[in-house]
C-alpha atoms as a PDB file:
ATOM      1  CA  MET A   1      66.609 -68.423  26.001  1.00  0.00           C
ATOM      2  CA  GLY A   2      67.037 -64.818  27.088  1.00  0.00           C
ATOM      3  CA  TRP A   3      65.574 -63.358  23.912  1.00  0.00           C
ATOM      4  CA  ALA A   4      62.639 -65.824  24.062  1.00  0.00           C
ATOM      5  CA  ILE A   5      61.860 -64.754  27.661  1.00  0.00           C
ATOM      6  CA  ALA A   6      62.049 -61.088  26.625  1.00  0.00           C
ATOM      7  CA  LEU A   7      59.650 -61.702  23.775  1.00  0.00           C
ATOM      8  CA  ALA A   8      57.272 -63.607  26.027  1.00  0.00           C
ATOM      9  CA  ALA A   9      57.330 -60.749  28.526  1.00  0.00           C
ATOM     10  CA  ALA A  10      56.470 -58.367  25.741  1.00  0.00           C
ATOM     11  CA  GLY A  11      53.565 -60.622  24.750  1.00  0.00           C
ATOM     12  CA  LEU A  12      55.069 -61.418  21.363  1.00  0.00           C
ATOM     13  CA  THR A  13      55.837 -64.735  19.764  1.00  0.00           C
ATOM     14  CA  PRO A  14      58.813 -64.979  17.399  1.00  0.00           C
ATOM     15  CA  ALA A  15      56.315 -65.296  14.535  1.00  0.00           C
ATOM     16  CA  ALA A  16      54.533 -62.132  15.665  1.00  0.00           C
ATOM     17  CA  ALA A  17      57.834 -60.315  16.053  1.00  0.00           C
ATOM     18  CA  GLN A  18      58.805 -61.292  12.520  1.00  0.00           C
ATOM     19  CA  ALA A  19      55.401 -60.154  11.282  1.00  0.00           C
ATOM     20  CA  GLN A  20      55.762 -56.776  12.979  1.00  0.00           C
ATOM     21  CA  ALA A  21      59.305 -56.361  11.778  1.00  0.00           C
ATOM     22  CA  GLY A  22      58.206 -57.203   8.283  1.00  0.00           C
ATOM     23  CA  SER A  23      55.134 -54.943   8.283  1.00  0.00           C
ATOM     24  CA  PRO A  24      56.925 -51.888   6.822  1.00  0.00           C
ATOM     25  CA  ALA A  25      58.170 -53.986   3.962  1.00  0.00           C
ATOM     26  CA  THR A  26      54.701 -55.413   3.513  1.00  0.00           C
ATOM     27  CA  LYS A  27      53.274 -51.900   3.386  1.00  0.00           C
ATOM     28  CA  ALA A  28      55.928 -50.901   0.892  1.00  0.00           C
ATOM     29  CA  THR A  29      55.148 -53.951  -1.223  1.00  0.00           C
ATOM     30  CA  ALA A  30      51.416 -53.178  -1.084  1.00  0.00           C
ATOM     31  CA  ALA A  31      52.060 -49.569  -2.006  1.00  0.00           C
ATOM     32  CA  ALA A  32      54.221 -50.548  -4.974  1.00  0.00           C
ATOM     33  CA  PRO A  33      51.363 -51.721  -7.214  1.00  0.00           C
ATOM     34  CA  ALA A  34      49.394 -48.567  -6.435  1.00  0.00           C
ATOM     35  CA  ALA A  35      52.366 -46.375  -7.284  1.00  0.00           C
ATOM     36  CA  ALA A  36      53.003 -48.366 -10.442  1.00  0.00           C
ATOM     37  CA  SER A  37      49.343 -48.036 -11.379  1.00  0.00           C
ATOM     38  CA  ALA A  38      49.368 -44.294 -10.752  1.00  0.00           C
ATOM     39  CA  SER A  39      52.435 -43.816 -12.977  1.00  0.00           C
ATOM     40  CA  ALA A  40      51.392 -46.355 -15.610  1.00  0.00           C
ATOM     41  CA  PRO A  41      51.438 -44.931 -19.138  1.00  0.00           C
ATOM     42  CA  ILE A  42      48.154 -44.137 -20.862  1.00  0.00           C
ATOM     43  CA  VAL A  43      47.109 -46.896 -23.268  1.00  0.00           C
ATOM     44  CA  TYR A  44      44.966 -45.228 -25.908  1.00  0.00           C
ATOM     45  CA  GLY A  45      42.203 -47.469 -27.143  1.00  0.00           C
ATOM     46  CA  SER A  46      41.636 -49.008 -23.711  1.00  0.00           C
ATOM     47  CA  VAL A  47      38.495 -48.381 -21.670  1.00  0.00           C
ATOM     48  CA  GLY A  48      38.651 -44.879 -20.250  1.00  0.00           C
ATOM     49  CA  HIS A  49      41.080 -43.754 -22.965  1.00  0.00           C
ATOM     50  CA  GLN A  50      39.322 -44.563 -26.223  1.00  0.00           C
ATOM     51  CA  ILE A  51      40.258 -42.402 -29.173  1.00  0.00           C
ATOM     52  CA  PRO A  52      37.376 -40.047 -30.026  1.00  0.00           C
ATOM     53  CA  ASN A  53      35.644 -40.165 -33.391  1.00  0.00           C
ATOM     54  CA  PRO A  54      35.856 -36.610 -34.800  1.00  0.00           C
ATOM     55  CA  LYS A  55      32.466 -37.087 -36.473  1.00  0.00           C
ATOM     56  CA  ILE A  56      30.422 -37.731 -33.327  1.00  0.00           C
ATOM     57  CA  GLY A  57      30.116 -36.310 -29.833  1.00  0.00           C
ATOM     58  CA  MET A  58      31.875 -33.023 -30.518  1.00  0.00           C
ATOM     59  CA  PRO A  59      31.338 -29.741 -32.418  1.00  0.00           C
ATOM     60  CA  GLN A  60      31.853 -29.936 -36.179  1.00  0.00           C
ATOM     61  CA  PRO A  61      33.520 -27.129 -38.157  1.00  0.00           C
ATOM     62  CA  GLY A  62      30.920 -25.191 -40.129  1.00  0.00           C
ATOM     63  CA  ALA A  63      28.063 -27.380 -38.926  1.00  0.00           C
ATOM     64  CA  ILE A  64      24.564 -26.042 -38.302  1.00  0.00           C
ATOM     65  CA  GLY A  65      21.617 -27.559 -36.507  1.00  0.00           C
ATOM     66  CA  ILE A  66      21.438 -29.903 -33.537  1.00  0.00           C
ATOM     67  CA  GLU A  67      24.282 -32.274 -32.732  1.00  0.00           C
ATOM     68  CA  GLU A  68      23.519 -35.903 -33.556  1.00  0.00           C
ATOM     69  CA  GLN A  69      21.477 -37.356 -30.683  1.00  0.00           C
ATOM     70  CA  VAL A  70      22.186 -40.745 -29.124  1.00  0.00           C
ATOM     71  CA  THR A  71      19.437 -41.074 -26.473  1.00  0.00           C
ATOM     72  CA  PRO A  72      15.661 -41.678 -26.714  1.00  0.00           C
ATOM     73  CA  ILE A  73      14.942 -38.230 -25.252  1.00  0.00           C
ATOM     74  CA  GLY A  74      17.379 -36.689 -27.713  1.00  0.00           C
ATOM     75  CA  HIS A  75      15.739 -38.452 -30.663  1.00  0.00           C
ATOM     76  CA  GLU A  76      12.289 -37.266 -29.580  1.00  0.00           C
ATOM     77  CA  ALA A  77      13.465 -33.695 -29.004  1.00  0.00           C
ATOM     78  CA  GLU A  78      15.385 -33.619 -32.298  1.00  0.00           C
ATOM     79  CA  HIS A  79      12.333 -34.853 -34.229  1.00  0.00           C
ATOM     80  CA  PHE A  80      10.121 -32.310 -32.466  1.00  0.00           C
ATOM     81  CA  HIS A  81      12.517 -29.501 -33.367  1.00  0.00           C
ATOM     82  CA  ASN A  82      13.531 -30.495 -36.894  1.00  0.00           C
ATOM     83  CA  VAL A  83      10.140 -31.710 -38.127  1.00  0.00           C
ATOM     84  CA  TRP A  84       7.285 -30.078 -36.259  1.00  0.00           C
ATOM     85  CA  LEU A  85       8.740 -26.793 -34.992  1.00  0.00           C
ATOM     86  CA  MET A  86      10.712 -26.021 -38.150  1.00  0.00           C
ATOM     87  CA  PHE A  87       7.699 -26.848 -40.329  1.00  0.00           C
ATOM     88  CA  THR A  88       5.435 -24.631 -38.231  1.00  0.00           C
ATOM     89  CA  ILE A  89       7.917 -21.736 -38.090  1.00  0.00           C
ATOM     90  CA  THR A  90       8.603 -21.959 -41.822  1.00  0.00           C
ATOM     91  CA  ALA A  91       4.891 -22.030 -42.698  1.00  0.00           C
ATOM     92  CA  ILE A  92       4.173 -19.006 -40.476  1.00  0.00           C
ATOM     93  CA  SER A  93       7.132 -17.077 -41.882  1.00  0.00           C
ATOM     94  CA  ILE A  94       6.125 -17.761 -45.493  1.00  0.00           C
ATOM     95  CA  PHE A  95       2.493 -16.812 -44.780  1.00  0.00           C
ATOM     96  CA  VAL A  96       3.431 -13.535 -43.069  1.00  0.00           C
ATOM     97  CA  LEU A  97       5.930 -12.648 -45.793  1.00  0.00           C
ATOM     98  CA  GLY A  98       3.345 -13.402 -48.507  1.00  0.00           C
ATOM     99  CA  LEU A  99       0.731 -11.336 -46.688  1.00  0.00           C
ATOM    100  CA  LEU A 100       3.124  -8.397 -46.426  1.00  0.00           C
ATOM    101  CA  LEU A 101       3.979  -8.576 -50.116  1.00  0.00           C
ATOM    102  CA  TYR A 102       0.282  -8.780 -51.037  1.00  0.00           C
ATOM    103  CA  VAL A 103      -0.578  -5.738 -48.901  1.00  0.00           C
ATOM    104  CA  ILE A 104       2.340  -3.752 -50.337  1.00  0.00           C
ATOM    105  CA  VAL A 105       1.253  -4.462 -53.923  1.00  0.00           C
ATOM    106  CA  ARG A 106      -2.521  -4.503 -53.531  1.00  0.00           C
ATOM    107  CA  TYR A 107      -2.897  -1.417 -51.359  1.00  0.00           C
ATOM    108  CA  ARG A 108      -0.197   0.821 -52.785  1.00  0.00           C
ATOM    109  CA  ARG A 109      -1.239   4.380 -53.528  1.00  0.00           C
ATOM    110  CA  GLY A 110      -1.290   3.889 -57.313  1.00  0.00           C
ATOM    111  CA  ALA A 111      -3.602   0.864 -57.209  1.00  0.00           C
ATOM    112  CA  HIS A 112      -5.736   1.983 -54.272  1.00  0.00           C
ATOM    113  CA  PRO A 113      -5.915   5.768 -54.110  1.00  0.00           C
ATOM    114  CA  THR A 114      -8.907   5.831 -51.751  1.00  0.00           C
ATOM    115  CA  PRO A 115      -8.146   3.962 -48.482  1.00  0.00           C
ATOM    116  CA  SER A 116     -10.809   1.720 -46.965  1.00  0.00           C
ATOM    117  CA  ARG A 117     -12.367   3.004 -43.735  1.00  0.00           C
ATOM    118  CA  ASN A 118     -13.518  -0.367 -42.404  1.00  0.00           C
ATOM    119  CA  THR A 119     -12.636  -0.839 -38.704  1.00  0.00           C
ATOM    120  CA  HIS A 120     -14.148  -4.270 -37.989  1.00  0.00           C
ATOM    121  CA  ASN A 121     -14.369  -7.608 -39.775  1.00  0.00           C
ATOM    122  CA  THR A 122     -15.850 -10.369 -37.681  1.00  0.00           C
ATOM    123  CA  MET A 123     -14.510 -13.228 -39.805  1.00  0.00           C
ATOM    124  CA  ILE A 124     -10.952 -11.904 -39.846  1.00  0.00           C
ATOM    125  CA  GLU A 125     -10.990 -11.293 -36.090  1.00  0.00           C
ATOM    126  CA  VAL A 126     -12.213 -14.835 -35.404  1.00  0.00           C
ATOM    127  CA  VAL A 127      -9.549 -16.285 -37.691  1.00  0.00           C
ATOM    128  CA  TRP A 128      -6.631 -14.305 -36.268  1.00  0.00           C
ATOM    129  CA  THR A 129      -7.707 -15.319 -32.755  1.00  0.00           C
ATOM    130  CA  LEU A 130      -8.355 -19.034 -33.335  1.00  0.00           C
ATOM    131  CA  VAL A 131      -5.422 -19.802 -35.642  1.00  0.00           C
ATOM    132  CA  PRO A 132      -2.683 -18.702 -33.138  1.00  0.00           C
ATOM    133  CA  VAL A 133      -4.465 -20.647 -30.392  1.00  0.00           C
ATOM    134  CA  LEU A 134      -4.506 -23.788 -32.543  1.00  0.00           C
ATOM    135  CA  ILE A 135      -0.820 -23.297 -33.399  1.00  0.00           C
ATOM    136  CA  LEU A 136       0.107 -22.980 -29.702  1.00  0.00           C
ATOM    137  CA  VAL A 137      -1.929 -26.085 -28.820  1.00  0.00           C
ATOM    138  CA  SER A 138      -0.225 -28.058 -31.592  1.00  0.00           C
ATOM    139  CA  ILE A 139       3.148 -27.053 -30.140  1.00  0.00           C
ATOM    140  CA  ALA A 140       2.142 -27.556 -26.497  1.00  0.00           C
ATOM    141  CA  ILE A 141       1.004 -31.179 -26.872  1.00  0.00           C
ATOM    142  CA  PRO A 142       4.342 -32.621 -28.083  1.00  0.00           C
ATOM    143  CA  SER A 143       6.220 -30.240 -25.732  1.00  0.00           C
ATOM    144  CA  ILE A 144       4.385 -31.519 -22.660  1.00  0.00           C
ATOM    145  CA  ARG A 145       4.821 -35.107 -23.836  1.00  0.00           C
ATOM    146  CA  LEU A 146       8.583 -34.544 -24.204  1.00  0.00           C
ATOM    147  CA  LEU A 147       8.809 -32.975 -20.731  1.00  0.00           C
ATOM    148  CA  ARG A 148       6.875 -35.875 -19.237  1.00  0.00           C
ATOM    149  CA  HIS A 149       9.264 -38.394 -20.795  1.00  0.00           C
ATOM    150  CA  GLN A 150      12.281 -36.347 -19.746  1.00  0.00           C
ATOM    151  CA  TYR A 151      11.236 -36.040 -16.098  1.00  0.00           C
ATOM    152  CA  THR A 152       9.713 -39.502 -15.646  1.00  0.00           C
ATOM    153  CA  PRO A 153      12.816 -41.694 -15.757  1.00  0.00           C
ATOM    154  CA  PRO A 154      12.651 -45.494 -15.854  1.00  0.00           C
ATOM    155  CA  PRO A 155      14.402 -47.501 -13.102  1.00  0.00           C
ATOM    156  CA  ALA A 156      18.131 -46.781 -13.219  1.00  0.00           C
ATOM    157  CA  ASP A 157      20.775 -49.400 -13.962  1.00  0.00           C
ATOM    158  CA  VAL A 158      23.642 -47.072 -13.010  1.00  0.00           C
ATOM    159  CA  THR A 159      23.673 -43.965 -10.810  1.00  0.00           C
ATOM    160  CA  VAL A 160      26.291 -41.233 -11.151  1.00  0.00           C
ATOM    161  CA  LYS A 161      26.583 -38.313  -8.746  1.00  0.00           C
ATOM    162  CA  ILE A 162      28.103 -35.269 -10.427  1.00  0.00           C
ATOM    163  CA  THR A 163      29.547 -32.403  -8.373  1.00  0.00           C
ATOM    164  CA  GLY A 164      30.711 -29.136  -9.900  1.00  0.00           C
ATOM    165  CA  HIS A 165      33.668 -27.286  -8.386  1.00  0.00           C
ATOM    166  CA  GLN A 166      35.619 -24.203  -9.335  1.00  0.00           C
ATOM    167  CA  TRP A 167      36.801 -25.376 -11.858  1.00  0.00           C
ATOM    168  CA  TYR A 168      36.578 -29.130 -12.302  1.00  0.00           C
ATOM    169  CA  TRP A 169      34.074 -31.963 -11.944  1.00  0.00           C
ATOM    170  CA  SER A 170      33.825 -34.866  -9.510  1.00  0.00           C
ATOM    171  CA  TYR A 171      32.112 -38.113 -10.502  1.00  0.00           C
ATOM    172  CA  GLU A 172      30.919 -40.731  -8.046  1.00  0.00           C
ATOM    173  CA  TYR A 173      29.268 -44.098  -8.664  1.00  0.00           C
ATOM    174  CA  PRO A 174      27.728 -44.558  -5.189  1.00  0.00           C
ATOM    175  CA  ASP A 175      26.407 -48.072  -5.851  1.00  0.00           C
ATOM    176  CA  LEU A 176      29.708 -49.274  -7.306  1.00  0.00           C
ATOM    177  CA  GLY A 177      32.286 -47.690  -4.983  1.00  0.00           C
ATOM    178  CA  VAL A 178      34.086 -45.571  -7.593  1.00  0.00           C
ATOM    179  CA  SER A 179      34.813 -41.834  -7.425  1.00  0.00           C
ATOM    180  CA  PHE A 180      37.345 -39.506  -9.029  1.00  0.00           C
ATOM    181  CA  ASP A 181      37.941 -35.911 -10.174  1.00  0.00           C
ATOM    182  CA  SER A 182      38.111 -34.720 -13.775  1.00  0.00           C
ATOM    183  CA  ASN A 183      40.249 -31.741 -14.815  1.00  0.00           C
ATOM    184  CA  ILE A 184      40.981 -30.145 -18.153  1.00  0.00           C
ATOM    185  CA  LEU A 185      44.102 -31.320 -19.978  1.00  0.00           C
ATOM    186  CA  LYS A 186      46.442 -28.434 -20.692  1.00  0.00           C
ATOM    187  CA  GLU A 187      48.192 -27.908 -24.003  1.00  0.00           C
ATOM    188  CA  LYS A 188      51.790 -29.040 -24.436  1.00  0.00           C
ATOM    189  CA  GLY A 189      53.073 -25.473 -24.674  1.00  0.00           C
ATOM    190  CA  ASP A 190      51.047 -24.157 -21.712  1.00  0.00           C
ATOM    191  CA  PRO A 191      53.457 -22.192 -19.481  1.00  0.00           C
ATOM    192  CA  THR A 192      51.599 -23.384 -16.375  1.00  0.00           C
ATOM    193  CA  LEU A 193      52.185 -27.057 -17.277  1.00  0.00           C
ATOM    194  CA  LYS A 194      54.489 -28.622 -14.693  1.00  0.00           C
ATOM    195  CA  PRO A 195      57.352 -30.902 -15.792  1.00  0.00           C
ATOM    196  CA  GLY A 196      56.147 -34.479 -16.077  1.00  0.00           C
ATOM    197  CA  ASP A 197      52.450 -33.551 -16.098  1.00  0.00           C
ATOM    198  CA  ARG A 198      50.224 -35.070 -18.746  1.00  0.00           C
ATOM    199  CA  TYR A 199      49.187 -32.763 -21.570  1.00  0.00           C
ATOM    200  CA  ARG A 200      46.495 -32.972 -24.240  1.00  0.00           C
ATOM    201  CA  THR A 201      46.973 -34.870 -27.498  1.00  0.00           C
ATOM    202  CA  ASP A 202      44.547 -35.395 -30.365  1.00  0.00           C
ATOM    203  CA  ASN A 203      43.849 -38.860 -28.915  1.00  0.00           C
ATOM    204  CA  ASP A 204      42.351 -37.164 -25.848  1.00  0.00           C
ATOM    205  CA  GLY A 205      39.974 -34.854 -27.687  1.00  0.00           C
ATOM    206  CA  PRO A 206      39.761 -31.309 -29.062  1.00  0.00           C
ATOM    207  CA  PRO A 207      41.449 -28.349 -27.334  1.00  0.00           C
ATOM    208  CA  LEU A 208      39.532 -27.033 -24.306  1.00  0.00           C
ATOM    209  CA  LEU A 209      37.321 -30.156 -24.345  1.00  0.00           C
ATOM    210  CA  ALA A 210      39.745 -32.916 -23.317  1.00  0.00           C
ATOM    211  CA  ALA A 211      39.857 -34.023 -19.655  1.00  0.00           C
ATOM    212  CA  ASP A 212      42.285 -36.217 -17.757  1.00  0.00           C
ATOM    213  CA  GLU A 213      39.514 -38.514 -16.462  1.00  0.00           C
ATOM    214  CA  ARG A 214      36.320 -39.519 -18.265  1.00  0.00           C
ATOM    215  CA  MET A 215      32.963 -40.564 -16.964  1.00  0.00           C
ATOM    216  CA  VAL A 216      32.434 -44.081 -18.333  1.00  0.00           C
ATOM    217  CA  LEU A 217      28.877 -45.315 -19.005  1.00  0.00           C
ATOM    218  CA  PRO A 218      27.439 -48.554 -20.395  1.00  0.00           C
ATOM    219  CA  ALA A 219      25.555 -48.352 -23.694  1.00  0.00           C
ATOM    220  CA  GLY A 220      21.937 -49.472 -23.668  1.00  0.00           C
ATOM    221  CA  LYS A 221      21.531 -48.970 -19.901  1.00  0.00           C
ATOM    222  CA  VAL A 222      19.512 -46.367 -18.004  1.00  0.00           C
ATOM    223  CA  VAL A 223      21.843 -43.945 -16.223  1.00  0.00           C
ATOM    224  CA  LYS A 224      20.584 -41.596 -13.518  1.00  0.00           C
ATOM    225  CA  PHE A 225      22.521 -38.366 -13.012  1.00  0.00           C
ATOM    226  CA  ILE A 226      22.368 -36.674  -9.596  1.00  0.00           C
ATOM    227  CA  ILE A 227      23.831 -33.210 -10.078  1.00  0.00           C
ATOM    228  CA  THR A 228      24.994 -30.710  -7.456  1.00  0.00           C
ATOM    229  CA  ALA A 229      27.801 -28.230  -6.689  1.00  0.00           C
ATOM    230  CA  ASP A 230      29.873 -27.309  -3.666  1.00  0.00           C
ATOM    231  CA  ASP A 231      30.671 -23.641  -4.309  1.00  0.00           C
ATOM    232  CA  VAL A 232      28.783 -21.711  -7.018  1.00  0.00           C
ATOM    233  CA  ILE A 233      26.193 -22.605  -9.668  1.00  0.00           C
ATOM    234  CA  HIS A 234      27.510 -24.748 -12.517  1.00  0.00           C
ATOM    235  CA  SER A 235      25.651 -26.494 -15.329  1.00  0.00           C
ATOM    236  CA  PHE A 236      26.229 -30.053 -16.525  1.00  0.00           C
ATOM    237  CA  SER A 237      25.692 -30.161 -20.290  1.00  0.00           C
ATOM    238  CA  VAL A 238      26.293 -32.927 -22.852  1.00  0.00           C
ATOM    239  CA  PRO A 239      24.585 -31.881 -26.109  1.00  0.00           C
ATOM    240  CA  ALA A 240      24.533 -35.364 -27.682  1.00  0.00           C
ATOM    241  CA  PHE A 241      22.480 -36.674 -24.718  1.00  0.00           C
ATOM    242  CA  TRP A 242      20.035 -33.722 -24.756  1.00  0.00           C
ATOM    243  CA  THR A 243      21.226 -33.110 -21.202  1.00  0.00           C
ATOM    244  CA  LYS A 244      21.686 -29.705 -19.614  1.00  0.00           C
ATOM    245  CA  LEU A 245      20.917 -29.231 -15.937  1.00  0.00           C
ATOM    246  CA  ASP A 246      22.114 -26.719 -13.366  1.00  0.00           C
ATOM    247  CA  ALA A 247      24.341 -27.829 -10.505  1.00  0.00           C
ATOM    248  CA  ASN A 248      23.270 -25.789  -7.473  1.00  0.00           C
ATOM    249  CA  PRO A 249      25.086 -25.795  -4.110  1.00  0.00           C
ATOM    250  CA  GLY A 250      23.024 -27.540  -1.441  1.00  0.00           C
ATOM    251  CA  GLN A 251      20.530 -28.913  -3.955  1.00  0.00           C
ATOM    252  CA  LEU A 252      20.282 -32.222  -5.827  1.00  0.00           C
ATOM    253  CA  ASN A 253      18.948 -32.077  -9.374  1.00  0.00           C
ATOM    254  CA  GLU A 254      18.205 -35.249 -11.275  1.00  0.00           C
ATOM    255  CA  THR A 255      18.023 -36.292 -14.911  1.00  0.00           C
ATOM    256  CA  TRP A 256      18.675 -39.456 -16.903  1.00  0.00           C
ATOM    257  CA  ALA A 257      19.987 -40.823 -20.167  1.00  0.00           C
ATOM    258  CA  LYS A 258      19.994 -44.116 -22.027  1.00  0.00           C
ATOM    259  CA  ILE A 259      22.629 -44.147 -24.732  1.00  0.00           C
ATOM    260  CA  ASP A 260      21.767 -46.205 -27.804  1.00  0.00           C
ATOM    261  CA  ALA A 261      23.377 -49.641 -27.705  1.00  0.00           C
ATOM    262  CA  ASP A 262      25.191 -49.057 -31.002  1.00  0.00           C
ATOM    263  CA  LYS A 263      26.505 -45.587 -30.108  1.00  0.00           C
ATOM    264  CA  THR A 264      29.671 -46.356 -28.171  1.00  0.00           C
ATOM    265  CA  GLY A 265      32.295 -43.646 -28.292  1.00  0.00           C
ATOM    266  CA  VAL A 266      33.408 -40.439 -26.590  1.00  0.00           C
ATOM    267  CA  TYR A 267      31.055 -37.478 -26.098  1.00  0.00           C
ATOM    268  CA  PHE A 268      32.042 -34.002 -25.000  1.00  0.00           C
ATOM    269  CA  GLY A 269      30.338 -31.190 -23.125  1.00  0.00           C
ATOM    270  CA  GLN A 270      31.158 -28.161 -20.993  1.00  0.00           C
ATOM    271  CA  CYS A 271      29.952 -26.270 -17.972  1.00  0.00           C
ATOM    272  CA  SER A 272      27.164 -24.070 -19.343  1.00  0.00           C
ATOM    273  CA  GLU A 273      26.714 -21.635 -16.458  1.00  0.00           C
ATOM    274  CA  LEU A 274      29.063 -18.702 -15.868  1.00  0.00           C
ATOM    275  CA  CYS A 275      30.885 -19.817 -12.721  1.00  0.00           C
ATOM    276  CA  GLY A 276      33.973 -17.681 -12.417  1.00  0.00           C
ATOM    277  CA  ALA A 277      37.309 -16.866 -14.023  1.00  0.00           C
ATOM    278  CA  ARG A 278      37.942 -20.364 -15.437  1.00  0.00           C
ATOM    279  CA  HIS A 279      34.381 -21.154 -16.443  1.00  0.00           C
ATOM    280  CA  GLY A 280      35.567 -21.975 -19.971  1.00  0.00           C
ATOM    281  CA  PHE A 281      37.973 -24.630 -18.668  1.00  0.00           C
ATOM    282  CA  MET A 282      35.505 -27.170 -17.241  1.00  0.00           C
ATOM    283  CA  PRO A 283      35.121 -29.807 -19.985  1.00  0.00           C
ATOM    284  CA  ILE A 284      32.927 -32.872 -19.617  1.00  0.00           C
ATOM    285  CA  ASN A 285      34.071 -36.149 -21.177  1.00  0.00           C
ATOM    286  CA  VAL A 286      31.757 -39.165 -21.299  1.00  0.00           C
ATOM    287  CA  GLU A 287      32.999 -42.453 -22.716  1.00  0.00           C
ATOM    288  CA  VAL A 288      30.269 -44.912 -23.681  1.00  0.00           C
ATOM    289  CA  VAL A 289      31.313 -48.573 -23.795  1.00  0.00           C
ATOM    290  CA  THR A 290      29.666 -51.982 -23.867  1.00  0.00           C
ATOM    291  CA  PRO A 291      28.271 -53.325 -20.562  1.00  0.00           C
ATOM    292  CA  ALA A 292      31.080 -55.916 -20.370  1.00  0.00           C
ATOM    293  CA  GLN A 293      33.741 -53.223 -20.812  1.00  0.00           C
ATOM    294  CA  PHE A 294      31.990 -51.074 -18.227  1.00  0.00           C
ATOM    295  CA  GLN A 295      32.187 -53.880 -15.667  1.00  0.00           C
ATOM    296  CA  GLN A 296      35.889 -54.341 -16.408  1.00  0.00           C
ATOM    297  CA  TRP A 297      36.443 -50.617 -15.947  1.00  0.00           C
ATOM    298  CA  ILE A 298      34.635 -50.611 -12.579  1.00  0.00           C
ATOM    299  CA  VAL A 299      36.850 -53.449 -11.362  1.00  0.00           C
ATOM    300  CA  SER A 300      39.990 -51.681 -12.633  1.00  0.00           C
ATOM    301  CA  LYS A 301      38.959 -48.616 -10.604  1.00  0.00           C
ATOM    302  CA  GLY A 302      38.656 -50.683  -7.440  1.00  0.00           C
ATOM    303  CA  GLY A 303      34.871 -50.721  -7.477  1.00  0.00           C
ATOM    304  CA  THR A 304      32.421 -53.506  -6.691  1.00  0.00           C
ATOM    305  CA  LEU A 305      29.973 -54.940  -9.187  1.00  0.00           C
ATOM    306  CA  PRO A 306      26.349 -55.551  -8.142  1.00  0.00           C
ATOM    307  CA  GLY A 307      26.078 -58.853  -6.299  1.00  0.00           C
ATOM    308  CA  ALA A 308      29.820 -59.089  -5.666  1.00  0.00           C
ATOM    309  CA  LYS A 309      31.299 -58.823  -2.186  1.00  0.00           C
ATOM    310  CA  PRO A 310      33.239 -55.609  -1.484  1.00  0.00           C
ATOM    311  CA  ALA A 311      36.996 -56.016  -1.173  1.00  0.00           C
ATOM    312  CA  ALA A 312      36.830 -55.104   2.524  1.00  0.00           C
ATOM    313  CA  ALA A 313      34.243 -57.820   3.175  1.00  0.00           C
ATOM    314  CA  GLN A 314      36.367 -60.372   1.340  1.00  0.00           C
ATOM    315  CA  ALA A 315      39.400 -59.367   3.404  1.00  0.00           C
ATOM    316  CA  SER A 316      37.376 -59.698   6.620  1.00  0.00           C
ATOM    317  CA  ALA A 317      36.125 -63.122   5.570  1.00  0.00           C
ATOM    318  CA  ALA A 318      39.661 -64.214   4.765  1.00  0.00           C
ATOM    319  CA  ALA A 319      40.889 -62.949   8.142  1.00  0.00           C
ATOM    320  CA  ALA A 320      38.124 -64.889   9.903  1.00  0.00           C
ATOM    321  CA  LYS A 321      39.324 -68.211   8.454  1.00  0.00           C
ATOM    322  CA  PRO A 322      41.734 -70.178  10.720  1.00  0.00           C
ATOM    323  CA  GLN A 323      45.322 -69.497   9.666  1.00  0.00           C
ATOM    324  CA  PRO A 324      48.120 -72.072   9.985  1.00  0.00           C
ATOM    325  CA  ALA A 325      49.683 -70.115  12.846  1.00  0.00           C
ATOM    326  CA  GLN A 326      46.357 -69.977  14.681  1.00  0.00           C
ATOM    327  CA  ALA A 327      45.869 -73.698  14.186  1.00  0.00           C
ATOM    328  CA  ALA A 328      49.336 -74.275  15.633  1.00  0.00           C
ATOM    329  CA  ASP A 329      48.426 -72.209  18.710  1.00  0.00           C
ATOM    330  CA  ALA A 330      45.336 -74.370  19.204  1.00  0.00           C
ATOM    331  CA  ASN A 331      47.573 -77.458  19.361  1.00  0.00           C
ATOM    332  CA  ALA A 332      50.174 -75.875  21.619  1.00  0.00           C
ATOM    333  CA  ALA A 333      49.901 -78.729  24.089  1.00  0.00           C
ATOM    334  CA  LYS A 334      51.450 -81.154  21.615  1.00  0.00           C
ATOM    335  CA  PRO A 335      55.292 -81.391  21.827  1.00  0.00           C
ATOM    336  CA  ALA A 336      57.153 -79.218  19.280  1.00  0.00           C
ATOM    337  CA  ALA A 337      53.868 -78.152  17.663  1.00  0.00           C
ATOM    338  CA  THR A 338      54.839 -74.457  17.744  1.00  0.00           C
ATOM    339  CA  ASN A 339      58.020 -72.398  17.717  1.00  0.00           C
ATOM    340  CA  GLN A 340      57.450 -71.576  21.399  1.00  0.00           C
ATOM    341  CA  ALA A 341      57.238 -75.232  22.353  1.00  0.00           C
ATOM    342  CA  ALA A 342      60.310 -76.075  20.330  1.00  0.00           C
ATOM    343  CA  THR A 343      62.205 -73.267  22.052  1.00  0.00           C
ATOM    344  CA  ALA A 344      61.078 -74.484  25.483  1.00  0.00           C
ATOM    345  CA  GLN A 345      62.333 -78.006  24.730  1.00  0.00           C
ATOM    346  CA  ASN A 346      65.730 -76.580  23.881  1.00  0.00           C
END
């Protein structure tokens, strides 16, 4: 009876006292899964840790030209460069070279001992004025069309905020409740590698391009990138997406990408703006997966899918439901309906 009176004076029921006494253990139990998750081994081949294909998304030894493009903007830009620009540049180069050779042969001293003294030729002057103008117009039209497509994005399915730091990246999915940092993976023999820290393997990506956390995107969906920095100017660049945009402190820059539905895989990039001593150690890793895998990854990161209730809202709703103990308190007038009543009867 004495301990029951003491508890009543303290405003605690035996059930509440047990709950408070057990709260540290509950916290420890709740923290256990998080600790286990944090120390869980990397499963290569799973979402977020897919093994890169050495033929796509990364530099190729001895390769020339533009990296294979996997977005509509990239396809348009690649066609513009490889077909129209290269054709125009090659035609101009061949014409100028041929003209030089003709002049060298035709007007050499042996074949043309008396130089011409003509200073004007109306037809030639019209031609060498109009032809460059027409060439520039033919280049400007597809250029302006490409810029219009690049800076007129369709409605976004996924938004990613990218923040550059000295010298790592932060990725945030503001509509999905996921955010994390991405740092370069050091080599196994790096003297600065701490015991127990993860190091790079070939399953992570090439040296200087592998990161510990990857941005994960769904294939076939429009992704909007909001790019900024918190210290100095960086530049977010993924060549396979035809994406390169400066990250300026205090300023939000925006671009977009829609990865082809059949181009899942891992794509690599780097900071492309000199940003300090470790500028060369800011890799960008983007893993492109199917929409279903992307949703699974969001859930595994503790995020919330569109249309789903956030975890906090679900917890609040669960707390609002009458619990057995609360129902017992409501019926406290009935004999032996609660532990307090049973104690009083004794």
